């Protein structure tokens, strides 16, 4: 627990140090940002609790980036704190994010969680789109769709070619890429898959992997075997309970650790940016199901 507290304390110290960069103009009495090398994220407007303007092409549902002081962002930080508390030895973790059926909010959960983890500046964080059939993270971030994970698994590209920068300096992204006629199970089951995921684990404190729904295709079960654990996303008042139980059974049948469950779907007026997945609660499925 000491390491968790230390990580959170260091993140707060970094935030306060950036706030100290704001100086008062003695002539007009207005505040102006002190000179610094380059524009970084979060910037002064964000540190002051003000929502950031929309970036061209980047989806407004990225509330953890656009509005760090919102209730939604705080709920993501609660999820982050819970994940850190489960990882008492500060080991690197590869976490898959899945759901029972489509349209439950798993992709938005994955990307916002990754951005929230990126707030801890001494962490290296990687976001990976492994949903080959309905890949959307590249569109959400307004980044190239390929080359990506598919080319990496097929040996058609190397890590340098597929890793992309994001607005967060310590958060990187790998798109799904192009299957080029090969099937998703073929690529994910190839001998190259495990070394790729182990490389992610060796290089990044947290790797967040967006996967297809667990009950629709077998991809989530295959990907989960390469991960430290799986986070299940369940949309309130929408996801049928039998399908949720089925998804859990499928993952457990493949001996995949279920790190926990995130409930989404409770709306709040005034959340901003049209964001609807603004209530998150974390449930652990067992003390032995912790990230490696």
C-alpha atoms as a PDB file:
ATOM      1  CA  UNK A   1       0.000   0.000   0.000  1.00  0.00           C
ATOM      2  CA  UNK A   2       2.967   2.254   0.606  1.00  0.00           C
ATOM      3  CA  UNK A   3       3.886   2.239  -3.068  1.00  0.00           C
ATOM      4  CA  UNK A   4       0.322   3.100  -4.054  1.00  0.00           C
ATOM      5  CA  UNK A   5       0.248   6.067  -1.706  1.00  0.00           C
ATOM      6  CA  UNK A   6       3.655   7.130  -2.963  1.00  0.00           C
ATOM      7  CA  UNK A   7       2.499   7.015  -6.604  1.00  0.00           C
ATOM      8  CA  UNK A   8      -0.605   9.089  -5.888  1.00  0.00           C
ATOM      9  CA  UNK A   9       1.391  11.539  -3.752  1.00  0.00           C
ATOM     10  CA  UNK A  10       3.934  11.999  -6.534  1.00  0.00           C
ATOM     11  CA  UNK A  11       1.144  12.656  -9.070  1.00  0.00           C
ATOM     12  CA  UNK A  12      -0.327  15.338  -6.788  1.00  0.00           C
ATOM     13  CA  UNK A  13       3.113  16.923  -6.269  1.00  0.00           C
ATOM     14  CA  UNK A  14       3.588  17.107 -10.036  1.00  0.00           C
ATOM     15  CA  UNK A  15       0.165  18.729 -10.393  1.00  0.00           C
ATOM     16  CA  UNK A  16       1.006  21.330  -7.746  1.00  0.00           C
ATOM     17  CA  UNK A  17       4.356  22.027  -9.401  1.00  0.00           C
ATOM     18  CA  UNK A  18       2.599  22.767 -12.690  1.00  0.00           C
ATOM     19  CA  UNK A  19       0.198  25.073 -10.883  1.00  0.00           C
ATOM     20  CA  UNK A  20       3.198  26.954  -9.507  1.00  0.00           C
ATOM     21  CA  UNK A  21       4.160  27.835 -13.073  1.00  0.00           C
ATOM     22  CA  UNK A  22       1.329  30.396 -13.111  1.00  0.00           C
ATOM     23  CA  UNK A  23       2.639  33.870 -12.218  1.00  0.00           C
ATOM     24  CA  UNK A  24       0.917  37.203 -11.587  1.00  0.00           C
ATOM     25  CA  UNK A  25       1.446  40.077 -14.019  1.00  0.00           C
ATOM     26  CA  UNK A  26       2.324  43.023 -11.745  1.00  0.00           C
ATOM     27  CA  UNK A  27       1.192  45.572 -14.328  1.00  0.00           C
ATOM     28  CA  UNK A  28      -2.318  44.398 -15.006  1.00  0.00           C
ATOM     29  CA  UNK A  29      -2.899  41.994 -12.158  1.00  0.00           C
ATOM     30  CA  UNK A  30      -3.847  39.181 -14.545  1.00  0.00           C
ATOM     31  CA  UNK A  31      -2.427  35.702 -14.326  1.00  0.00           C
ATOM     32  CA  UNK A  32      -0.174  34.475 -17.111  1.00  0.00           C
ATOM     33  CA  UNK A  33       1.479  31.089 -17.493  1.00  0.00           C
ATOM     34  CA  UNK A  34       5.190  31.117 -16.789  1.00  0.00           C
ATOM     35  CA  UNK A  35       7.402  30.228 -19.724  1.00  0.00           C
ATOM     36  CA  UNK A  36       8.083  26.548 -20.099  1.00  0.00           C
ATOM     37  CA  UNK A  37       9.701  24.400 -22.774  1.00  0.00           C
ATOM     38  CA  UNK A  38       6.700  23.002 -24.623  1.00  0.00           C
ATOM     39  CA  UNK A  39       2.976  22.599 -24.276  1.00  0.00           C
ATOM     40  CA  UNK A  40       2.286  19.460 -22.283  1.00  0.00           C
ATOM     41  CA  UNK A  41      -0.814  17.713 -21.030  1.00  0.00           C
ATOM     42  CA  UNK A  42      -2.500  18.689 -18.779  1.00  0.00           C
ATOM     43  CA  UNK A  43      -2.018  22.401 -19.515  1.00  0.00           C
ATOM     44  CA  UNK A  44      -2.770  25.402 -17.300  1.00  0.00           C
ATOM     45  CA  UNK A  45      -6.426  25.609 -18.313  1.00  0.00           C
ATOM     46  CA  UNK A  46      -6.933  22.002 -17.363  1.00  0.00           C
ATOM     47  CA  UNK A  47      -5.067  22.442 -14.083  1.00  0.00           C
ATOM     48  CA  UNK A  48      -7.348  25.346 -13.225  1.00  0.00           C
ATOM     49  CA  UNK A  49     -10.309  22.982 -13.554  1.00  0.00           C
ATOM     50  CA  UNK A  50     -11.552  24.504 -16.792  1.00  0.00           C
ATOM     51  CA  UNK A  51     -12.797  22.188 -19.569  1.00  0.00           C
ATOM     52  CA  UNK A  52     -10.514  22.070 -22.574  1.00  0.00           C
ATOM     53  CA  UNK A  53     -11.758  22.982 -26.053  1.00  0.00           C
ATOM     54  CA  UNK A  54     -12.467  20.061 -28.342  1.00  0.00           C
ATOM     55  CA  UNK A  55      -9.484  18.872 -30.360  1.00  0.00           C
ATOM     56  CA  UNK A  56     -10.195  18.480 -34.059  1.00  0.00           C
ATOM     57  CA  UNK A  57     -11.389  14.962 -34.751  1.00  0.00           C
ATOM     58  CA  UNK A  58     -10.917  13.687 -31.185  1.00  0.00           C
ATOM     59  CA  UNK A  59     -14.153  12.315 -29.757  1.00  0.00           C
ATOM     60  CA  UNK A  60     -15.981  14.407 -27.173  1.00  0.00           C
ATOM     61  CA  UNK A  61     -16.571  11.288 -25.043  1.00  0.00           C
ATOM     62  CA  UNK A  62     -12.940  11.526 -23.916  1.00  0.00           C
ATOM     63  CA  UNK A  63     -14.104  13.264 -20.775  1.00  0.00           C
ATOM     64  CA  UNK A  64     -10.983  12.268 -18.786  1.00  0.00           C
ATOM     65  CA  UNK A  65      -9.044  14.521 -21.158  1.00  0.00           C
ATOM     66  CA  UNK A  66     -11.511  17.320 -21.791  1.00  0.00           C
ATOM     67  CA  UNK A  67     -12.903  17.871 -18.298  1.00  0.00           C
ATOM     68  CA  UNK A  68     -10.640  16.577 -15.538  1.00  0.00           C
ATOM     69  CA  UNK A  69     -12.708  18.167 -12.742  1.00  0.00           C
ATOM     70  CA  UNK A  70     -15.986  16.504 -13.724  1.00  0.00           C
ATOM     71  CA  UNK A  71     -17.762  13.821 -11.728  1.00  0.00           C
ATOM     72  CA  UNK A  72     -17.038  11.360 -14.511  1.00  0.00           C
ATOM     73  CA  UNK A  73     -13.290  11.959 -14.320  1.00  0.00           C
ATOM     74  CA  UNK A  74     -13.352  11.501 -10.555  1.00  0.00           C
ATOM     75  CA  UNK A  75     -15.112   8.171 -10.971  1.00  0.00           C
ATOM     76  CA  UNK A  76     -12.404   7.063 -13.384  1.00  0.00           C
ATOM     77  CA  UNK A  77      -9.821   8.075 -10.788  1.00  0.00           C
ATOM     78  CA  UNK A  78     -11.669   5.922  -8.266  1.00  0.00           C
ATOM     79  CA  UNK A  79     -11.343   3.014 -10.660  1.00  0.00           C
ATOM     80  CA  UNK A  80      -7.647   3.824 -11.108  1.00  0.00           C
ATOM     81  CA  UNK A  81      -7.129   3.892  -7.342  1.00  0.00           C
ATOM     82  CA  UNK A  82      -8.842   0.523  -7.025  1.00  0.00           C
ATOM     83  CA  UNK A  83      -6.580  -0.988  -9.669  1.00  0.00           C
ATOM     84  CA  UNK A  84      -3.513   0.406  -7.915  1.00  0.00           C
ATOM     85  CA  UNK A  85      -4.685  -0.978  -4.588  1.00  0.00           C
ATOM     86  CA  UNK A  86      -4.928  -4.447  -6.137  1.00  0.00           C
ATOM     87  CA  UNK A  87      -1.396  -4.109  -7.497  1.00  0.00           C
ATOM     88  CA  UNK A  88       0.409  -3.816  -4.164  1.00  0.00           C
ATOM     89  CA  UNK A  89       3.820  -4.771  -5.549  1.00  0.00           C
ATOM     90  CA  UNK A  90       3.681  -2.207  -8.353  1.00  0.00           C
ATOM     91  CA  UNK A  91       4.059  -4.874 -11.023  1.00  0.00           C
ATOM     92  CA  UNK A  92       3.360  -4.129 -14.673  1.00  0.00           C
ATOM     93  CA  UNK A  93      -0.128  -5.209 -15.739  1.00  0.00           C
ATOM     94  CA  UNK A  94      -1.857  -5.922 -19.047  1.00  0.00           C
ATOM     95  CA  UNK A  95      -5.613  -5.525 -18.573  1.00  0.00           C
ATOM     96  CA  UNK A  96      -8.219  -6.438 -21.178  1.00  0.00           C
ATOM     97  CA  UNK A  97     -11.531  -4.554 -21.190  1.00  0.00           C
ATOM     98  CA  UNK A  98     -14.530  -6.466 -22.473  1.00  0.00           C
ATOM     99  CA  UNK A  99     -18.311  -6.697 -22.135  1.00  0.00           C
ATOM    100  CA  UNK A 100     -21.070  -9.229 -22.632  1.00  0.00           C
ATOM    101  CA  UNK A 101     -22.615  -7.691 -25.741  1.00  0.00           C
ATOM    102  CA  UNK A 102     -21.889  -4.721 -28.026  1.00  0.00           C
ATOM    103  CA  UNK A 103     -22.766  -1.115 -27.144  1.00  0.00           C
ATOM    104  CA  UNK A 104     -22.137  -1.388 -23.408  1.00  0.00           C
ATOM    105  CA  UNK A 105     -19.433   1.282 -23.296  1.00  0.00           C
ATOM    106  CA  UNK A 106     -16.294  -0.856 -23.093  1.00  0.00           C
ATOM    107  CA  UNK A 107     -14.315   1.144 -25.662  1.00  0.00           C
ATOM    108  CA  UNK A 108     -15.072   4.488 -24.011  1.00  0.00           C
ATOM    109  CA  UNK A 109     -14.256   2.932 -20.638  1.00  0.00           C
ATOM    110  CA  UNK A 110     -10.931   1.611 -21.948  1.00  0.00           C
ATOM    111  CA  UNK A 111      -9.781   4.889 -23.478  1.00  0.00           C
ATOM    112  CA  UNK A 112     -10.831   7.052 -20.524  1.00  0.00           C
ATOM    113  CA  UNK A 113      -9.185   4.664 -18.071  1.00  0.00           C
ATOM    114  CA  UNK A 114      -5.978   4.833 -20.108  1.00  0.00           C
ATOM    115  CA  UNK A 115      -6.040   8.647 -20.072  1.00  0.00           C
ATOM    116  CA  UNK A 116      -6.644   8.636 -16.329  1.00  0.00           C
ATOM    117  CA  UNK A 117      -3.709   6.305 -15.723  1.00  0.00           C
ATOM    118  CA  UNK A 118      -1.643   8.648 -17.891  1.00  0.00           C
ATOM    119  CA  UNK A 119      -2.204  11.407 -15.324  1.00  0.00           C
ATOM    120  CA  UNK A 120       0.445   9.670 -13.193  1.00  0.00           C
ATOM    121  CA  UNK A 121       3.419  11.067 -15.036  1.00  0.00           C
ATOM    122  CA  UNK A 122       6.007   8.480 -13.978  1.00  0.00           C
ATOM    123  CA  UNK A 123       3.810   5.707 -15.396  1.00  0.00           C
ATOM    124  CA  UNK A 124       4.185   4.545 -18.979  1.00  0.00           C
ATOM    125  CA  UNK A 125       0.749   3.591 -20.297  1.00  0.00           C
ATOM    126  CA  UNK A 126      -0.240   1.831 -23.524  1.00  0.00           C
ATOM    127  CA  UNK A 127      -3.725   1.647 -25.062  1.00  0.00           C
ATOM    128  CA  UNK A 128      -4.241  -1.181 -27.577  1.00  0.00           C
ATOM    129  CA  UNK A 129      -7.188  -1.777 -29.900  1.00  0.00           C
ATOM    130  CA  UNK A 130      -7.607  -5.550 -30.207  1.00  0.00           C
ATOM    131  CA  UNK A 131     -11.192  -5.405 -31.462  1.00  0.00           C
ATOM    132  CA  UNK A 132     -10.378  -6.264 -35.074  1.00  0.00           C
ATOM    133  CA  UNK A 133     -14.003  -6.643 -36.126  1.00  0.00           C
ATOM    134  CA  UNK A 134     -15.324  -3.296 -34.861  1.00  0.00           C
ATOM    135  CA  UNK A 135     -12.209  -1.270 -34.178  1.00  0.00           C
ATOM    136  CA  UNK A 136     -13.020   2.308 -33.220  1.00  0.00           C
ATOM    137  CA  UNK A 137     -10.250   3.616 -30.957  1.00  0.00           C
ATOM    138  CA  UNK A 138      -8.307   5.164 -33.841  1.00  0.00           C
ATOM    139  CA  UNK A 139     -11.428   7.106 -34.815  1.00  0.00           C
ATOM    140  CA  UNK A 140     -12.029   8.177 -31.203  1.00  0.00           C
ATOM    141  CA  UNK A 141      -8.466   9.511 -30.963  1.00  0.00           C
ATOM    142  CA  UNK A 142      -8.330  10.764 -34.567  1.00  0.00           C
ATOM    143  CA  UNK A 143      -5.191   8.723 -35.259  1.00  0.00           C
ATOM    144  CA  UNK A 144      -4.202   6.466 -38.194  1.00  0.00           C
ATOM    145  CA  UNK A 145      -5.927   3.083 -38.287  1.00  0.00           C
ATOM    146  CA  UNK A 146      -2.873   1.171 -39.475  1.00  0.00           C
ATOM    147  CA  UNK A 147      -0.308  -0.226 -39.204  1.00  0.00           C
ATOM    148  CA  UNK A 148      -1.345  -1.668 -35.881  1.00  0.00           C
ATOM    149  CA  UNK A 149      -1.646  -4.793 -33.787  1.00  0.00           C
ATOM    150  CA  UNK A 150      -2.640  -6.988 -36.746  1.00  0.00           C
ATOM    151  CA  UNK A 151       0.535  -6.098 -38.656  1.00  0.00           C
ATOM    152  CA  UNK A 152       2.614  -6.540 -35.503  1.00  0.00           C
ATOM    153  CA  UNK A 153       1.236 -10.039 -34.854  1.00  0.00           C
ATOM    154  CA  UNK A 154       1.687 -10.961 -38.519  1.00  0.00           C
ATOM    155  CA  UNK A 155       5.319  -9.826 -38.503  1.00  0.00           C
ATOM    156  CA  UNK A 156       4.587  -7.140 -41.097  1.00  0.00           C
ATOM    157  CA  UNK A 157       5.563  -4.229 -38.824  1.00  0.00           C
ATOM    158  CA  UNK A 158       7.732  -3.605 -35.781  1.00  0.00           C
ATOM    159  CA  UNK A 159       6.945  -1.845 -32.507  1.00  0.00           C
ATOM    160  CA  UNK A 160       8.340   1.496 -33.639  1.00  0.00           C
ATOM    161  CA  UNK A 161       6.061   1.481 -36.677  1.00  0.00           C
ATOM    162  CA  UNK A 162       2.828   0.718 -34.820  1.00  0.00           C
ATOM    163  CA  UNK A 163       3.178   2.745 -31.598  1.00  0.00           C
ATOM    164  CA  UNK A 164       1.547   6.180 -31.912  1.00  0.00           C
ATOM    165  CA  UNK A 165       1.709   9.254 -29.701  1.00  0.00           C
ATOM    166  CA  UNK A 166      -1.358  10.748 -28.015  1.00  0.00           C
ATOM    167  CA  UNK A 167      -2.019  14.154 -26.417  1.00  0.00           C
ATOM    168  CA  UNK A 168      -0.698  12.628 -23.167  1.00  0.00           C
ATOM    169  CA  UNK A 169       3.130  12.396 -23.312  1.00  0.00           C
ATOM    170  CA  UNK A 170       3.351   9.123 -21.366  1.00  0.00           C
ATOM    171  CA  UNK A 171       0.356   7.462 -23.043  1.00  0.00           C
ATOM    172  CA  UNK A 172       0.879   5.619 -26.342  1.00  0.00           C
ATOM    173  CA  UNK A 173      -1.565   3.902 -28.663  1.00  0.00           C
ATOM    174  CA  UNK A 174      -1.584   0.906 -30.996  1.00  0.00           C
ATOM    175  CA  UNK A 175      -4.470   0.710 -33.472  1.00  0.00           C
ATOM    176  CA  UNK A 176      -6.105  -2.553 -34.532  1.00  0.00           C
ATOM    177  CA  UNK A 177      -4.541  -2.417 -37.979  1.00  0.00           C
ATOM    178  CA  UNK A 178      -5.550  -4.352 -41.072  1.00  0.00           C
ATOM    179  CA  UNK A 179      -6.087  -8.121 -41.040  1.00  0.00           C
ATOM    180  CA  UNK A 180      -5.150  -8.342 -44.743  1.00  0.00           C
ATOM    181  CA  UNK A 181      -7.253 -11.445 -45.316  1.00  0.00           C
ATOM    182  CA  UNK A 182      -6.245 -13.266 -42.146  1.00  0.00           C
ATOM    183  CA  UNK A 183      -8.739 -14.039 -39.387  1.00  0.00           C
ATOM    184  CA  UNK A 184      -8.586 -12.553 -35.915  1.00  0.00           C
ATOM    185  CA  UNK A 185      -8.372 -15.972 -34.164  1.00  0.00           C
ATOM    186  CA  UNK A 186      -5.514 -16.937 -36.478  1.00  0.00           C
ATOM    187  CA  UNK A 187      -3.469 -13.870 -35.534  1.00  0.00           C
ATOM    188  CA  UNK A 188      -4.318 -13.954 -31.847  1.00  0.00           C
ATOM    189  CA  UNK A 189      -3.536 -17.658 -31.628  1.00  0.00           C
ATOM    190  CA  UNK A 190      -0.230 -17.397 -33.467  1.00  0.00           C
ATOM    191  CA  UNK A 191       3.040 -18.117 -31.670  1.00  0.00           C
ATOM    192  CA  UNK A 192       3.945 -14.455 -32.062  1.00  0.00           C
ATOM    193  CA  UNK A 193       1.062 -13.280 -29.859  1.00  0.00           C
ATOM    194  CA  UNK A 194       2.422 -14.130 -26.408  1.00  0.00           C
ATOM    195  CA  UNK A 195       5.841 -12.477 -26.961  1.00  0.00           C
ATOM    196  CA  UNK A 196       4.070  -9.335 -28.184  1.00  0.00           C
ATOM    197  CA  UNK A 197       1.921  -9.090 -25.049  1.00  0.00           C
ATOM    198  CA  UNK A 198       4.917  -9.877 -22.837  1.00  0.00           C
ATOM    199  CA  UNK A 199       6.755  -7.007 -24.531  1.00  0.00           C
ATOM    200  CA  UNK A 200       3.849  -4.702 -23.699  1.00  0.00           C
ATOM    201  CA  UNK A 201       4.072  -5.848 -20.100  1.00  0.00           C
ATOM    202  CA  UNK A 202       7.830  -5.280 -19.925  1.00  0.00           C
ATOM    203  CA  UNK A 203       7.708  -1.767 -21.345  1.00  0.00           C
ATOM    204  CA  UNK A 204       4.575  -0.268 -19.782  1.00  0.00           C
ATOM    205  CA  UNK A 205       3.277  -0.002 -16.218  1.00  0.00           C
ATOM    206  CA  UNK A 206      -0.247  -0.488 -17.519  1.00  0.00           C
ATOM    207  CA  UNK A 207      -1.439  -1.753 -20.883  1.00  0.00           C
ATOM    208  CA  UNK A 208      -5.180  -1.377 -21.501  1.00  0.00           C
ATOM    209  CA  UNK A 209      -6.522  -3.639 -24.273  1.00  0.00           C
ATOM    210  CA  UNK A 210      -9.932  -3.078 -25.840  1.00  0.00           C
ATOM    211  CA  UNK A 211     -11.428  -6.419 -26.935  1.00  0.00           C
ATOM    212  CA  UNK A 212     -14.656  -7.616 -28.592  1.00  0.00           C
ATOM    213  CA  UNK A 213     -17.597  -8.653 -26.360  1.00  0.00           C
ATOM    214  CA  UNK A 214     -16.981 -11.984 -24.653  1.00  0.00           C
ATOM    215  CA  UNK A 215     -20.200 -13.697 -25.759  1.00  0.00           C
ATOM    216  CA  UNK A 216     -20.145 -12.762 -29.448  1.00  0.00           C
ATOM    217  CA  UNK A 217     -16.732 -14.085 -30.543  1.00  0.00           C
ATOM    218  CA  UNK A 218     -13.878 -16.015 -28.947  1.00  0.00           C
ATOM    219  CA  UNK A 219     -11.333 -13.187 -29.237  1.00  0.00           C
ATOM    220  CA  UNK A 220     -11.739 -11.904 -25.670  1.00  0.00           C
ATOM    221  CA  UNK A 221     -11.022 -15.365 -24.279  1.00  0.00           C
ATOM    222  CA  UNK A 222      -7.887 -15.734 -26.396  1.00  0.00           C
ATOM    223  CA  UNK A 223      -6.629 -12.228 -25.603  1.00  0.00           C
ATOM    224  CA  UNK A 224      -7.399 -12.688 -21.914  1.00  0.00           C
ATOM    225  CA  UNK A 225      -4.942 -15.576 -21.737  1.00  0.00           C
ATOM    226  CA  UNK A 226      -2.160 -13.135 -22.616  1.00  0.00           C
ATOM    227  CA  UNK A 227      -3.257 -10.594 -19.992  1.00  0.00           C
ATOM    228  CA  UNK A 228      -2.923 -10.115 -16.252  1.00  0.00           C
ATOM    229  CA  UNK A 229      -6.693  -9.880 -15.940  1.00  0.00           C
ATOM    230  CA  UNK A 230      -9.958  -8.789 -17.536  1.00  0.00           C
ATOM    231  CA  UNK A 231     -12.277  -5.927 -16.598  1.00  0.00           C
ATOM    232  CA  UNK A 232     -15.932  -6.545 -17.409  1.00  0.00           C
ATOM    233  CA  UNK A 233     -18.099  -3.570 -18.434  1.00  0.00           C
ATOM    234  CA  UNK A 234     -21.824  -3.841 -17.726  1.00  0.00           C
ATOM    235  CA  UNK A 235     -24.314  -1.170 -18.758  1.00  0.00           C
ATOM    236  CA  UNK A 236     -26.979  -0.498 -16.162  1.00  0.00           C
ATOM    237  CA  UNK A 237     -30.595  -1.194 -17.142  1.00  0.00           C
ATOM    238  CA  UNK A 238     -29.473  -2.673 -20.454  1.00  0.00           C
ATOM    239  CA  UNK A 239     -27.277  -5.758 -20.149  1.00  0.00           C
ATOM    240  CA  UNK A 240     -29.339  -8.926 -19.567  1.00  0.00           C
ATOM    241  CA  UNK A 241     -28.154 -10.707 -16.435  1.00  0.00           C
ATOM    242  CA  UNK A 242     -28.010 -14.156 -18.123  1.00  0.00           C
ATOM    243  CA  UNK A 243     -25.598 -12.800 -20.756  1.00  0.00           C
ATOM    244  CA  UNK A 244     -23.382 -11.260 -18.088  1.00  0.00           C
ATOM    245  CA  UNK A 245     -23.236 -14.561 -16.221  1.00  0.00           C
ATOM    246  CA  UNK A 246     -22.491 -16.371 -19.456  1.00  0.00           C
ATOM    247  CA  UNK A 247     -19.613 -14.002 -20.235  1.00  0.00           C
ATOM    248  CA  UNK A 248     -18.159 -14.534 -16.767  1.00  0.00           C
ATOM    249  CA  UNK A 249     -18.443 -18.321 -17.123  1.00  0.00           C
ATOM    250  CA  UNK A 250     -16.727 -18.234 -20.524  1.00  0.00           C
ATOM    251  CA  UNK A 251     -13.788 -16.278 -19.126  1.00  0.00           C
ATOM    252  CA  UNK A 252     -13.531 -18.475 -16.047  1.00  0.00           C
ATOM    253  CA  UNK A 253     -13.666 -21.612 -18.198  1.00  0.00           C
ATOM    254  CA  UNK A 254     -10.518 -20.341 -19.915  1.00  0.00           C
ATOM    255  CA  UNK A 255      -8.845 -19.695 -16.526  1.00  0.00           C
ATOM    256  CA  UNK A 256      -8.784 -15.946 -17.180  1.00  0.00           C
ATOM    257  CA  UNK A 257      -8.575 -13.808 -14.024  1.00  0.00           C
ATOM    258  CA  UNK A 258     -11.510 -11.406 -13.790  1.00  0.00           C
ATOM    259  CA  UNK A 259     -10.041  -8.351 -12.122  1.00  0.00           C
ATOM    260  CA  UNK A 260     -13.422  -6.736 -11.606  1.00  0.00           C
ATOM    261  CA  UNK A 261     -16.545  -5.213 -13.077  1.00  0.00           C
ATOM    262  CA  UNK A 262     -17.403  -1.638 -14.037  1.00  0.00           C
ATOM    263  CA  UNK A 263     -21.037  -0.526 -14.150  1.00  0.00           C
ATOM    264  CA  UNK A 264     -21.830   2.206 -16.668  1.00  0.00           C
ATOM    265  CA  UNK A 265     -24.937   3.986 -17.846  1.00  0.00           C
ATOM    266  CA  UNK A 266     -26.271   6.208 -15.064  1.00  0.00           C
ATOM    267  CA  UNK A 267     -26.771   9.596 -16.674  1.00  0.00           C
ATOM    268  CA  UNK A 268     -26.246  12.952 -15.009  1.00  0.00           C
ATOM    269  CA  UNK A 269     -27.497  16.282 -16.299  1.00  0.00           C
ATOM    270  CA  UNK A 270     -24.759  18.758 -17.053  1.00  0.00           C
ATOM    271  CA  UNK A 271     -22.056  16.140 -17.568  1.00  0.00           C
ATOM    272  CA  UNK A 272     -21.052  17.958 -20.761  1.00  0.00           C
ATOM    273  CA  UNK A 273     -19.857  16.789 -24.169  1.00  0.00           C
ATOM    274  CA  UNK A 274     -22.890  14.514 -24.515  1.00  0.00           C
ATOM    275  CA  UNK A 275     -21.143  11.897 -22.407  1.00  0.00           C
ATOM    276  CA  UNK A 276     -23.501   9.287 -21.046  1.00  0.00           C
ATOM    277  CA  UNK A 277     -21.300   6.688 -19.364  1.00  0.00           C
ATOM    278  CA  UNK A 278     -20.740   8.738 -16.281  1.00  0.00           C
ATOM    279  CA  UNK A 279     -21.208   6.450 -13.343  1.00  0.00           C
ATOM    280  CA  UNK A 280     -18.599   3.857 -12.490  1.00  0.00           C
ATOM    281  CA  UNK A 281     -18.377   1.416  -9.660  1.00  0.00           C
ATOM    282  CA  UNK A 282     -15.761  -1.265  -9.246  1.00  0.00           C
ATOM    283  CA  UNK A 283     -16.409  -4.752  -7.937  1.00  0.00           C
ATOM    284  CA  UNK A 284     -13.670  -7.283  -7.291  1.00  0.00           C
ATOM    285  CA  UNK A 285     -14.423 -10.901  -8.113  1.00  0.00           C
ATOM    286  CA  UNK A 286     -11.986 -12.265  -5.538  1.00  0.00           C
ATOM    287  CA  UNK A 287      -8.765 -11.389  -3.778  1.00  0.00           C
ATOM    288  CA  UNK A 288      -6.890 -13.992  -5.813  1.00  0.00           C
ATOM    289  CA  UNK A 289      -7.867 -12.304  -9.083  1.00  0.00           C
ATOM    290  CA  UNK A 290      -5.317  -9.491  -8.889  1.00  0.00           C
ATOM    291  CA  UNK A 291      -3.085  -8.221 -11.682  1.00  0.00           C
ATOM    292  CA  UNK A 292       0.238  -9.985 -11.948  1.00  0.00           C
END
